[in-house]
Amino acid sequence: MAAKKVLFLTGDFAEDYETMVPFQALQAVGHHVDAVCPGKRAGDKIKTAIHDFEGDQTYTEKPGHQFTLNATFDDVDASGYDALAIAGGRAPEYLRLDAKVIALVRA
């Protein structure tokens, strides 16, 4: 398969596993991945969260890693990408309300 250019949308308190694994796996198979977050620039970091089930009635939430963004959200041109990936966790709860995110996803 030819390498693709993937836009990876994430944000503070995205699920750690759903951020780190897809980002690294896509790169490992040869794709170019740009990780972006509204309001942040390349080189900025987001905080991830680890959700774990420890026998309680609901999951616990713990700090994850500091994930470094490698592209700037405001510089993104959706037409330059072959695919869009969005990390899960807490981040989509507020990303879905951001007008710039909605416009980007619809483009």
Protein backbone atom coordinates (compact mmCIF):
# COMPACT_ATOMS: atom_id res chain seq x y z
CA MET A 1 0.00 0.00 0.00
CA ALA A 2 1.24 3.48 -0.83
CA ALA A 3 1.93 5.78 2.08
CA LYS A 4 -0.97 8.07 2.99
CA LYS A 5 -1.10 11.41 4.74
CA VAL A 6 -3.23 11.19 7.90
CA LEU A 7 -4.58 14.05 10.00
CA PHE A 8 -4.78 12.98 13.64
CA LEU A 9 -7.07 15.19 15.73
CA THR A 10 -6.58 15.06 19.48
CA GLY A 11 -6.72 17.26 22.57
CA ASP A 12 -6.12 17.46 26.29
CA PHE A 13 -7.20 14.34 28.17
CA ALA A 14 -7.65 12.19 25.11
CA GLU A 15 -7.38 8.52 26.04
CA ASP A 16 -3.67 7.68 26.24
CA TYR A 17 -3.94 4.35 24.40
CA GLU A 18 -6.17 5.82 21.70
CA THR A 19 -3.63 8.57 21.12
CA MET A 20 -0.25 6.87 21.34
CA VAL A 21 -1.05 3.56 19.63
CA PRO A 22 -2.76 4.79 16.43
CA PHE A 23 -0.23 7.61 16.01
CA GLN A 24 2.74 5.25 16.33
CA ALA A 25 1.15 2.36 14.42
CA LEU A 26 0.28 4.52 11.41
CA GLN A 27 3.83 5.85 11.33
CA ALA A 28 5.27 2.35 11.75
CA VAL A 29 3.58 1.15 8.55
CA GLY A 30 4.88 4.13 6.61
CA HIS A 31 2.14 6.76 6.75
CA HIS A 32 2.78 10.44 7.43
CA VAL A 33 0.74 11.51 10.48
CA ASP A 34 0.13 15.11 11.53
CA ALA A 35 -1.15 15.35 15.12
CA VAL A 36 -3.05 18.58 15.81
CA CYS A 37 -5.18 20.19 18.51
CA PRO A 38 -7.24 23.39 18.27
CA GLY A 39 -5.51 26.30 19.97
CA LYS A 40 -2.12 24.58 20.00
CA ARG A 41 0.90 24.60 17.73
CA ALA A 42 3.51 22.10 16.60
CA GLY A 43 5.77 21.37 19.57
CA ASP A 44 3.04 22.01 22.14
CA LYS A 45 1.98 19.11 24.33
CA ILE A 46 -1.39 17.69 25.29
CA LYS A 47 -2.06 15.73 28.46
CA THR A 48 -3.51 12.27 27.96
CA ALA A 49 -5.60 10.27 30.43
CA ILE A 50 -5.66 6.59 31.32
CA HIS A 51 -9.09 5.17 32.07
CA ASP A 52 -8.95 1.92 34.01
CA PHE A 53 -11.45 -0.49 35.51
CA GLU A 54 -10.34 -1.50 38.98
CA GLY A 55 -13.47 -3.21 40.28
CA ASP A 56 -15.44 -0.08 41.12
CA GLN A 57 -18.82 0.78 39.63
CA THR A 58 -17.13 2.95 37.00
CA TYR A 59 -13.65 3.51 35.67
CA THR A 60 -10.90 5.55 37.27
CA GLU A 61 -9.04 8.29 35.44
CA LYS A 62 -5.31 8.78 35.87
CA PRO A 63 -2.75 11.05 34.21
CA GLY A 64 -1.21 9.61 31.08
CA HIS A 65 1.66 10.88 28.97
CA GLN A 66 2.56 14.28 27.62
CA PHE A 67 1.99 13.86 23.87
CA THR A 68 3.82 16.29 21.59
CA LEU A 69 1.91 17.68 18.63
CA ASN A 70 3.86 17.73 15.38
CA ALA A 71 1.66 20.12 13.36
CA THR A 72 -0.33 23.31 13.94
CA PHE A 73 -4.13 23.10 13.80
CA ASP A 74 -4.56 26.55 12.22
CA ASP A 75 -2.19 25.62 9.37
CA VAL A 76 -4.12 22.48 8.34
CA ASP A 77 -5.68 22.26 4.87
CA ALA A 78 -8.05 19.28 4.90
CA SER A 79 -7.65 18.75 1.16
CA GLY A 80 -4.03 17.76 1.74
CA TYR A 81 -4.94 14.61 3.68
CA ASP A 82 -6.08 11.13 2.70
CA ALA A 83 -7.57 10.22 6.08
CA LEU A 84 -8.75 11.64 9.39
CA ALA A 85 -8.34 9.92 12.76
CA ILE A 86 -9.78 11.29 16.00
CA ALA A 87 -8.54 10.14 19.40
CA GLY A 88 -11.11 9.02 21.96
CA GLY A 89 -11.33 9.81 25.65
CA ARG A 90 -12.31 13.19 27.08
CA ALA A 91 -11.05 15.28 24.16
CA PRO A 92 -13.94 14.50 21.76
CA GLU A 93 -16.37 15.76 24.40
CA TYR A 94 -15.20 19.32 23.75
CA LEU A 95 -13.72 18.97 20.25
CA ARG A 96 -17.18 18.21 18.85
CA LEU A 97 -18.36 21.65 20.00
CA ASP A 98 -15.51 23.59 18.36
CA ALA A 99 -16.67 25.36 15.17
CA LYS A 100 -13.20 25.09 13.58
CA VAL A 101 -13.11 21.34 14.25
CA ILE A 102 -16.58 20.88 12.76
CA ALA A 103 -15.59 22.83 9.64
CA LEU A 104 -12.39 20.79 9.28
CA VAL A 105 -14.19 17.46 9.62
CA ARG A 106 -16.84 18.49 7.09
CA ALA A 107 -14.23 19.67 4.56
